């Protein structure tokens, strides 16, 4: 256990807590969280998770913009300067599943051949599901929480297998927050918020 893992855990918990409550401040905490996770995963040789961080930083920036600059028809009933929670279409779900499945396979094969990643397939699919969850979060789609639940269960397994101590506990707390957020965002969507 390192101080980087401890700070990452605290930042991650704060970010996810704020996101689950629809707070725009989650993005500022998220920027720091990406930087600390990059360092943590580099040290643990979890290269897919490490590579995720610069991309996650970019998605976080995109989400920050989307949440604070909604189009007229996307504005929340509770706050017209905020993006409202919405749902994905079936066609977008099918496209997302195809991208996740094919991208995870390609990335896992690359990791197997070019790195010492201890769990290339799990690491790769966690990466792809995380990209999807982050993209859906940036768009304020309530289904992002379904994907986050999958990511958190997989991360618990991955972190334990990689010898991390705090991050599995953090992922368990994320899992709990994810269930609450899934229900909360569903209610917000029905209210047009």
Protein backbone atom coordinates (compact mmCIF):
# COMPACT_ATOMS: atom_id res chain seq x y z
CA UNK A 1 0.00 0.00 0.00
CA UNK A 2 1.37 3.41 -0.99
CA UNK A 3 0.39 7.00 -0.38
CA UNK A 4 -0.52 7.22 -4.10
CA UNK A 5 -3.05 4.40 -3.62
CA UNK A 6 -4.48 6.12 -0.53
CA UNK A 7 -4.85 9.52 -2.25
CA UNK A 8 -6.30 7.82 -5.35
CA UNK A 9 -8.87 6.08 -3.19
CA UNK A 10 -9.94 9.30 -1.48
CA UNK A 11 -10.15 11.23 -4.75
CA UNK A 12 -12.06 8.42 -6.45
CA UNK A 13 -14.60 8.13 -3.66
CA UNK A 14 -15.14 11.89 -3.66
CA UNK A 15 -15.51 12.02 -7.45
CA UNK A 16 -17.99 9.15 -7.66
CA UNK A 17 -20.00 10.44 -4.71
CA UNK A 18 -20.32 13.85 -6.37
CA UNK A 19 -21.15 12.34 -9.79
CA UNK A 20 -23.85 10.13 -8.29
CA UNK A 21 -25.51 13.21 -6.89
CA UNK A 22 -25.27 15.03 -10.22
CA UNK A 23 -22.75 17.60 -8.98
CA UNK A 24 -20.67 19.37 -11.62
CA UNK A 25 -17.79 19.53 -9.12
CA UNK A 26 -17.10 15.84 -9.68
CA UNK A 27 -15.13 16.81 -12.79
CA UNK A 28 -12.56 18.88 -10.90
CA UNK A 29 -11.91 16.02 -8.49
CA UNK A 30 -11.87 13.63 -11.46
CA UNK A 31 -8.96 15.46 -13.12
CA UNK A 32 -6.76 14.88 -10.06
CA UNK A 33 -8.01 11.31 -9.75
CA UNK A 34 -6.87 10.50 -13.32
CA UNK A 35 -3.36 11.79 -12.61
CA UNK A 36 -2.97 9.76 -9.43
CA UNK A 37 -4.40 6.59 -11.01
CA UNK A 38 -1.97 6.89 -13.92
CA UNK A 39 0.93 6.81 -11.45
CA UNK A 40 -0.58 3.97 -9.42
CA UNK A 41 -1.26 1.69 -12.40
CA UNK A 42 2.15 2.39 -13.94
CA UNK A 43 3.77 1.14 -10.77
CA UNK A 44 1.55 -2.00 -10.70
CA UNK A 45 2.14 -2.79 -14.44
CA UNK A 46 -1.58 -2.55 -15.20
CA UNK A 47 -0.98 -0.98 -18.59
CA UNK A 48 -4.53 -0.97 -19.93
CA UNK A 49 -5.71 0.77 -16.76
CA UNK A 50 -2.75 3.17 -17.00
CA UNK A 51 -3.46 4.04 -20.66
CA UNK A 52 -7.08 4.66 -19.71
CA UNK A 53 -6.16 7.67 -17.58
CA UNK A 54 -5.21 10.20 -20.32
CA UNK A 55 -8.27 9.11 -22.30
CA UNK A 56 -10.40 9.33 -19.15
CA UNK A 57 -9.04 12.83 -18.58
CA UNK A 58 -10.21 13.81 -22.09
CA UNK A 59 -13.63 12.19 -21.57
CA UNK A 60 -13.87 13.98 -18.22
CA UNK A 61 -13.19 17.29 -19.98
CA UNK A 62 -15.86 16.49 -22.59
CA UNK A 63 -18.33 15.54 -19.84
CA UNK A 64 -17.58 18.72 -17.93
CA UNK A 65 -18.48 20.70 -21.04
CA UNK A 66 -21.62 18.62 -21.79
CA UNK A 67 -22.97 18.85 -18.25
CA UNK A 68 -22.55 22.63 -18.15
CA UNK A 69 -23.48 23.53 -21.75
CA UNK A 70 -26.66 21.59 -22.66
CA UNK A 71 -28.59 22.19 -25.85
CA UNK A 72 -32.05 23.72 -25.40
CA UNK A 73 -33.88 20.35 -25.52
CA UNK A 74 -31.34 18.75 -23.14
CA UNK A 75 -31.75 21.19 -20.26
CA UNK A 76 -32.75 19.94 -16.85
CA UNK A 77 -36.15 20.95 -15.51
CA UNK A 78 -34.50 21.63 -12.14
CA UNK A 79 -31.59 23.74 -13.49
CA UNK A 80 -31.65 25.09 -17.04
CA UNK A 81 -27.85 25.44 -17.07
CA UNK A 82 -27.43 21.69 -16.49
CA UNK A 83 -27.75 18.67 -18.75
CA UNK A 84 -30.72 16.46 -17.88
CA UNK A 85 -30.44 12.70 -17.36
CA UNK A 86 -31.59 10.69 -20.39
CA UNK A 87 -31.56 7.12 -21.77
CA UNK A 88 -29.76 5.42 -24.67
CA UNK A 89 -31.54 3.99 -27.70
CA UNK A 90 -31.43 0.25 -28.45
CA UNK A 91 -29.36 0.89 -31.59
CA UNK A 92 -26.72 2.77 -29.61
CA UNK A 93 -26.58 -0.09 -27.08
CA UNK A 94 -25.91 -2.60 -29.88
CA UNK A 95 -23.18 -0.40 -31.36
CA UNK A 96 -21.62 0.10 -27.92
CA UNK A 97 -21.61 -3.66 -27.24
CA UNK A 98 -19.91 -4.37 -30.57
CA UNK A 99 -17.22 -1.77 -29.90
CA UNK A 100 -16.60 -3.04 -26.35
CA UNK A 101 -16.36 -6.70 -27.41
CA UNK A 102 -14.08 -6.14 -30.40
CA UNK A 103 -11.94 -3.46 -28.76
CA UNK A 104 -11.42 -5.57 -25.63
CA UNK A 105 -10.31 -8.56 -27.70
CA UNK A 106 -7.84 -6.54 -29.78
CA UNK A 107 -6.39 -4.80 -26.72
CA UNK A 108 -6.04 -8.07 -24.77
CA UNK A 109 -4.10 -9.67 -27.63
CA UNK A 110 -1.78 -6.66 -27.73
CA UNK A 111 -1.20 -6.83 -23.98
CA UNK A 112 -0.48 -10.58 -24.14
CA UNK A 113 2.18 -10.11 -26.77
CA UNK A 114 3.83 -6.84 -25.74
CA UNK A 115 3.55 -6.45 -21.95
CA UNK A 116 3.84 -8.27 -18.66
CA UNK A 117 0.24 -7.53 -17.72
CA UNK A 118 -0.78 -10.14 -15.10
CA UNK A 119 -4.41 -10.31 -16.34
CA UNK A 120 -4.55 -9.02 -19.94
CA UNK A 121 -8.11 -10.14 -20.79
CA UNK A 122 -9.69 -8.86 -17.59
CA UNK A 123 -7.61 -5.68 -17.73
CA UNK A 124 -8.66 -5.09 -21.36
CA UNK A 125 -12.36 -5.60 -20.84
CA UNK A 126 -12.34 -3.47 -17.71
CA UNK A 127 -10.72 -0.79 -19.88
CA UNK A 128 -13.39 -1.03 -22.59
CA UNK A 129 -16.31 -1.08 -20.14
CA UNK A 130 -14.76 1.86 -18.30
CA UNK A 131 -14.55 3.84 -21.55
CA UNK A 132 -18.20 3.08 -22.18
CA UNK A 133 -19.25 4.00 -18.63
CA UNK A 134 -17.29 7.26 -18.77
CA UNK A 135 -18.72 8.19 -22.15
CA UNK A 136 -22.26 7.48 -20.93
CA UNK A 137 -21.56 9.46 -17.74
CA UNK A 138 -20.30 12.38 -19.83
CA UNK A 139 -23.59 12.28 -21.76
CA UNK A 140 -25.53 11.93 -18.48
CA UNK A 141 -27.17 8.65 -19.55
CA UNK A 142 -28.67 6.83 -16.58
CA UNK A 143 -27.46 3.48 -17.93
CA UNK A 144 -23.89 4.54 -17.19
CA UNK A 145 -24.51 3.21 -13.68
CA UNK A 146 -25.32 -0.28 -15.00
CA UNK A 147 -21.97 -0.30 -16.79
CA UNK A 148 -20.22 1.12 -13.70
CA UNK A 149 -21.59 -1.79 -11.65
CA UNK A 150 -19.98 -4.25 -14.10
CA UNK A 151 -16.72 -2.29 -14.00
CA UNK A 152 -16.65 -2.22 -10.21
CA UNK A 153 -17.18 -5.97 -9.83
CA UNK A 154 -14.43 -6.63 -12.40
CA UNK A 155 -12.11 -4.11 -10.73
CA UNK A 156 -12.49 -5.81 -7.36
CA UNK A 157 -11.26 -9.05 -8.95
CA UNK A 158 -8.48 -7.31 -10.92
CA UNK A 159 -7.18 -5.31 -7.95
CA UNK A 160 -7.10 -8.30 -5.62
CA UNK A 161 -5.25 -10.34 -8.28
CA UNK A 162 -2.76 -7.45 -8.68
CA UNK A 163 -1.94 -7.18 -4.97
CA UNK A 164 -3.61 -3.85 -4.29
CA UNK A 165 -5.13 -3.42 -0.83
CA UNK A 166 -7.22 -0.28 -0.74
CA UNK A 167 -8.54 -0.19 -4.31
CA UNK A 168 -10.73 -3.34 -3.91
CA UNK A 169 -12.40 -1.71 -0.90
CA UNK A 170 -12.82 1.51 -2.89
CA UNK A 171 -14.42 -0.47 -5.73
CA UNK A 172 -16.81 -2.07 -3.24
CA UNK A 173 -17.81 1.41 -2.06
CA UNK A 174 -18.19 2.47 -5.71
CA UNK A 175 -20.45 -0.52 -6.21
CA UNK A 176 -22.67 0.58 -3.32
CA UNK A 177 -22.75 4.16 -4.62
CA UNK A 178 -23.49 2.83 -8.11
CA UNK A 179 -26.65 1.05 -6.98
CA UNK A 180 -27.87 4.20 -5.22
CA UNK A 181 -26.94 6.38 -8.22
CA UNK A 182 -28.67 4.05 -10.69
CA UNK A 183 -31.94 4.41 -8.80
CA UNK A 184 -31.47 8.14 -8.22
CA UNK A 185 -30.65 8.94 -11.86
CA UNK A 186 -33.61 6.86 -13.05
CA UNK A 187 -35.91 9.01 -10.90
CA UNK A 188 -34.25 12.20 -12.19
CA UNK A 189 -34.75 11.04 -15.77
CA UNK A 190 -38.45 10.48 -15.18
CA UNK A 191 -38.74 13.99 -13.71
CA UNK A 192 -36.81 15.55 -16.64
CA UNK A 193 -33.93 16.65 -14.42
